[in-house]
Protein backbone atom coordinates (compact mmCIF):
# COMPACT_ATOMS: atom_id res chain seq x y z
CA UNK A 1 0.01 -0.16 -0.11
CA UNK A 2 2.98 2.81 0.97
CA UNK A 3 5.08 1.39 -1.96
CA UNK A 4 2.21 1.73 -4.40
CA UNK A 5 2.02 5.36 -2.74
CA UNK A 6 5.36 6.64 -3.45
CA UNK A 7 5.31 5.23 -7.15
CA UNK A 8 2.20 6.95 -7.70
CA UNK A 9 4.04 9.71 -6.21
CA UNK A 10 7.21 9.21 -8.27
CA UNK A 11 4.97 8.56 -11.13
CA UNK A 12 3.41 12.21 -10.82
CA UNK A 13 6.57 13.90 -10.56
CA UNK A 14 7.87 11.95 -13.81
CA UNK A 15 4.89 13.47 -15.29
CA UNK A 16 5.31 17.42 -13.99
CA UNK A 17 9.33 17.28 -15.16
CA UNK A 18 8.08 15.36 -18.87
CA UNK A 19 5.53 18.19 -18.57
CA UNK A 20 8.24 20.73 -17.94
CA UNK A 21 10.57 19.62 -20.53
CA UNK A 22 7.94 19.85 -23.10
CA UNK A 23 7.03 23.50 -22.14
CA UNK A 24 11.06 24.20 -22.62
CA UNK A 25 10.83 22.44 -25.85
CA UNK A 26 7.87 24.83 -27.31
CA UNK A 27 9.67 27.88 -26.04
CA UNK A 28 12.92 26.52 -27.89
CA UNK A 29 10.44 26.07 -31.08
CA UNK A 30 8.66 29.88 -30.92
CA UNK A 31 12.41 31.55 -29.01
CA UNK A 32 15.19 30.06 -31.54
CA UNK A 33 18.18 31.39 -31.37
CA UNK A 34 17.59 32.76 -35.26
CA UNK A 35 14.31 34.60 -33.93
CA UNK A 36 15.67 35.65 -31.18
CA UNK A 37 18.60 37.64 -32.92
CA UNK A 38 16.08 38.89 -35.59
CA UNK A 39 14.07 40.19 -32.70
CA UNK A 40 16.29 41.05 -30.69
CA UNK A 41 16.66 40.60 -26.36
CA UNK A 42 13.60 40.84 -24.89
């Protein structure tokens, strides 16, 4: 029971990490080095 709860919490943490990584990737798509240089630093 306790182990199941811990593994479930770990899975949730992994999902949060995956979401965070995906957000970073999405931002990099929109704000690529080329577009940053073109628009200037914001």
